[in-house]
Amino acid sequence: MRSMEDRPWRAPRLSGNAMLLMTLLLRSGGGMRIGPLLRITRLPVDDLAVAVNELGERRWIDIAWRGGHARRPETLPERARDIRRIFATRIGRHCYQYVKYQGW
């Protein structure tokens, strides 16, 4: 068993894409639909998925999925068609205000 002193006291830093995504979400009122988010970030879908997973692991964002009978837009990439919108959680809004001043 490890002692408390051996454990790191901080989480690893967020990637630049994750910070970009969180900044865009918070500047747009806390949430965005997936289509406009892909257009504004201009990130490849795989890079955006990595940023979403990184923020999702920390519980900073949540995903609203499309229902079973909802129309899935053909203009979106296949990987992003089931997502309706991505929005910041209360934890994410709270933690972001402290992280953004640590030299990002």
C-alpha atoms as a PDB file:
ATOM      1  CA  MET A   1       0.000   0.000   0.000  1.00  0.00           C
ATOM      2  CA  ARG A   2       1.298   3.418  -0.914  1.00  0.00           C
ATOM      3  CA  SER A   3       1.455   6.273   1.497  1.00  0.00           C
ATOM      4  CA  MET A   4      -0.302   9.571   0.939  1.00  0.00           C
ATOM      5  CA  GLU A   5       3.006  11.343   0.283  1.00  0.00           C
ATOM      6  CA  ASP A   6       3.728   9.191  -2.787  1.00  0.00           C
ATOM      7  CA  ARG A   7       0.594  10.262  -4.635  1.00  0.00           C
ATOM      8  CA  PRO A   8       0.672  13.271  -6.931  1.00  0.00           C
ATOM      9  CA  TRP A   9      -1.384  16.177  -5.669  1.00  0.00           C
ATOM     10  CA  ARG A  10      -2.385  17.428  -9.129  1.00  0.00           C
ATOM     11  CA  ALA A  11      -4.050  15.900 -12.122  1.00  0.00           C
ATOM     12  CA  PRO A  12      -2.082  15.868 -15.382  1.00  0.00           C
ATOM     13  CA  ARG A  13      -2.383  18.979 -17.504  1.00  0.00           C
ATOM     14  CA  LEU A  14      -5.048  19.224 -20.149  1.00  0.00           C
ATOM     15  CA  SER A  15      -4.099  19.159 -23.812  1.00  0.00           C
ATOM     16  CA  GLY A  16      -4.417  22.294 -25.911  1.00  0.00           C
ATOM     17  CA  ASN A  17      -7.366  20.848 -27.819  1.00  0.00           C
ATOM     18  CA  ALA A  18      -9.186  20.063 -24.572  1.00  0.00           C
ATOM     19  CA  MET A  19      -8.656  23.624 -23.329  1.00  0.00           C
ATOM     20  CA  LEU A  20      -9.839  24.992 -26.687  1.00  0.00           C
ATOM     21  CA  LEU A  21     -12.984  22.879 -26.482  1.00  0.00           C
ATOM     22  CA  MET A  22     -13.734  23.916 -22.901  1.00  0.00           C
ATOM     23  CA  THR A  23     -13.139  27.591 -23.711  1.00  0.00           C
ATOM     24  CA  LEU A  24     -15.510  27.440 -26.684  1.00  0.00           C
ATOM     25  CA  LEU A  25     -18.185  25.700 -24.641  1.00  0.00           C
ATOM     26  CA  LEU A  26     -18.053  28.246 -21.845  1.00  0.00           C
ATOM     27  CA  ARG A  27     -17.961  31.246 -24.185  1.00  0.00           C
ATOM     28  CA  SER A  28     -21.054  29.987 -25.958  1.00  0.00           C
ATOM     29  CA  GLY A  29     -23.161  29.678 -22.825  1.00  0.00           C
ATOM     30  CA  GLY A  30     -22.015  26.248 -21.660  1.00  0.00           C
ATOM     31  CA  GLY A  31     -23.017  24.035 -24.563  1.00  0.00           C
ATOM     32  CA  MET A  32     -22.856  23.644 -28.331  1.00  0.00           C
ATOM     33  CA  ARG A  33     -24.354  21.411 -30.968  1.00  0.00           C
ATOM     34  CA  ILE A  34     -21.851  19.077 -32.588  1.00  0.00           C
ATOM     35  CA  GLY A  35     -22.105  20.545 -36.113  1.00  0.00           C
ATOM     36  CA  PRO A  36     -21.174  24.131 -35.208  1.00  0.00           C
ATOM     37  CA  LEU A  37     -18.529  22.810 -32.793  1.00  0.00           C
ATOM     38  CA  LEU A  38     -16.823  20.881 -35.591  1.00  0.00           C
ATOM     39  CA  ARG A  39     -16.956  23.917 -37.881  1.00  0.00           C
ATOM     40  CA  ILE A  40     -15.588  26.380 -35.319  1.00  0.00           C
ATOM     41  CA  THR A  41     -12.748  24.216 -33.983  1.00  0.00           C
ATOM     42  CA  ARG A  42     -11.674  22.975 -37.444  1.00  0.00           C
ATOM     43  CA  LEU A  43     -10.236  19.927 -35.692  1.00  0.00           C
ATOM     44  CA  PRO A  44     -10.312  16.474 -37.263  1.00  0.00           C
ATOM     45  CA  VAL A  45     -13.014  14.296 -35.720  1.00  0.00           C
ATOM     46  CA  ASP A  46     -10.442  11.995 -34.104  1.00  0.00           C
ATOM     47  CA  ASP A  47      -8.666  14.900 -32.368  1.00  0.00           C
ATOM     48  CA  LEU A  48     -11.973  16.285 -31.154  1.00  0.00           C
ATOM     49  CA  ALA A  49     -12.910  12.834 -29.839  1.00  0.00           C
ATOM     50  CA  VAL A  50      -9.654  12.669 -27.852  1.00  0.00           C
ATOM     51  CA  ALA A  51     -10.376  16.103 -26.329  1.00  0.00           C
ATOM     52  CA  VAL A  52     -13.960  15.098 -25.501  1.00  0.00           C
ATOM     53  CA  ASN A  53     -12.758  11.884 -23.854  1.00  0.00           C
ATOM     54  CA  GLU A  54     -10.125  13.778 -21.870  1.00  0.00           C
ATOM     55  CA  LEU A  55     -12.687  16.251 -20.516  1.00  0.00           C
ATOM     56  CA  GLY A  56     -15.280  13.525 -20.028  1.00  0.00           C
ATOM     57  CA  GLU A  57     -12.914  11.499 -17.841  1.00  0.00           C
ATOM     58  CA  ARG A  58     -12.630  14.488 -15.538  1.00  0.00           C
ATOM     59  CA  ARG A  59     -16.422  15.006 -15.623  1.00  0.00           C
ATOM     60  CA  TRP A  60     -15.965  18.511 -17.007  1.00  0.00           C
ATOM     61  CA  ILE A  61     -18.352  17.902 -19.910  1.00  0.00           C
ATOM     62  CA  ASP A  62     -21.329  15.739 -20.680  1.00  0.00           C
ATOM     63  CA  ILE A  63     -22.785  14.544 -23.964  1.00  0.00           C
ATOM     64  CA  ALA A  64     -26.424  14.648 -25.005  1.00  0.00           C
ATOM     65  CA  TRP A  65     -27.039  11.736 -27.379  1.00  0.00           C
ATOM     66  CA  ARG A  66     -29.619  11.605 -30.142  1.00  0.00           C
ATOM     67  CA  GLY A  67     -32.640   9.423 -29.487  1.00  0.00           C
ATOM     68  CA  GLY A  68     -33.340   6.194 -31.316  1.00  0.00           C
ATOM     69  CA  HIS A  69     -35.735   7.756 -33.832  1.00  0.00           C
ATOM     70  CA  ALA A  70     -33.948  11.071 -34.284  1.00  0.00           C
ATOM     71  CA  ARG A  71     -32.713  12.075 -37.710  1.00  0.00           C
ATOM     72  CA  ARG A  72     -28.955  11.810 -38.005  1.00  0.00           C
ATOM     73  CA  PRO A  73     -27.480  14.518 -40.261  1.00  0.00           C
ATOM     74  CA  GLU A  74     -25.658  13.126 -43.277  1.00  0.00           C
ATOM     75  CA  THR A  75     -23.311  16.124 -43.386  1.00  0.00           C
ATOM     76  CA  LEU A  76     -21.638  15.132 -40.100  1.00  0.00           C
ATOM     77  CA  PRO A  77     -18.856  12.549 -39.981  1.00  0.00           C
ATOM     78  CA  GLU A  78     -20.011   9.035 -39.073  1.00  0.00           C
ATOM     79  CA  ARG A  79     -18.349   9.138 -35.665  1.00  0.00           C
ATOM     80  CA  ALA A  80     -20.206  12.309 -34.621  1.00  0.00           C
ATOM     81  CA  ARG A  81     -23.723  11.566 -35.923  1.00  0.00           C
ATOM     82  CA  ASP A  82     -25.106  10.153 -32.677  1.00  0.00           C
ATOM     83  CA  ILE A  83     -24.098  13.207 -30.625  1.00  0.00           C
ATOM     84  CA  ARG A  84     -26.692  15.972 -30.296  1.00  0.00           C
ATOM     85  CA  ARG A  85     -24.692  18.451 -28.203  1.00  0.00           C
ATOM     86  CA  ILE A  86     -21.786  18.725 -25.771  1.00  0.00           C
ATOM     87  CA  PHE A  87     -22.136  20.841 -22.667  1.00  0.00           C
ATOM     88  CA  ALA A  88     -20.056  21.832 -19.643  1.00  0.00           C
ATOM     89  CA  THR A  89     -20.959  20.412 -16.253  1.00  0.00           C
ATOM     90  CA  ARG A  90     -20.989  22.335 -13.010  1.00  0.00           C
ATOM     91  CA  ILE A  91     -17.694  20.695 -12.037  1.00  0.00           C
ATOM     92  CA  GLY A  92     -16.149  21.727 -15.353  1.00  0.00           C
ATOM     93  CA  ARG A  93     -17.245  25.339 -15.020  1.00  0.00           C
ATOM     94  CA  HIS A  94     -15.865  25.453 -11.495  1.00  0.00           C
ATOM     95  CA  CYS A  95     -12.506  23.802 -12.257  1.00  0.00           C
ATOM     96  CA  TYR A  96     -11.918  25.734 -15.482  1.00  0.00           C
ATOM     97  CA  GLN A  97     -11.696  29.053 -13.676  1.00  0.00           C
ATOM     98  CA  TYR A  98      -8.691  27.766 -11.689  1.00  0.00           C
ATOM     99  CA  VAL A  99      -6.941  25.898 -14.501  1.00  0.00           C
ATOM    100  CA  LYS A 100      -6.976  28.714 -17.053  1.00  0.00           C
ATOM    101  CA  TYR A 101      -4.691  30.888 -14.920  1.00  0.00           C
ATOM    102  CA  GLN A 102      -1.980  28.252 -14.493  1.00  0.00           C
ATOM    103  CA  GLY A 103      -0.028  29.134 -17.616  1.00  0.00           C
ATOM    104  CA  TRP A 104      -2.114  27.647 -20.394  1.00  0.00           C
END
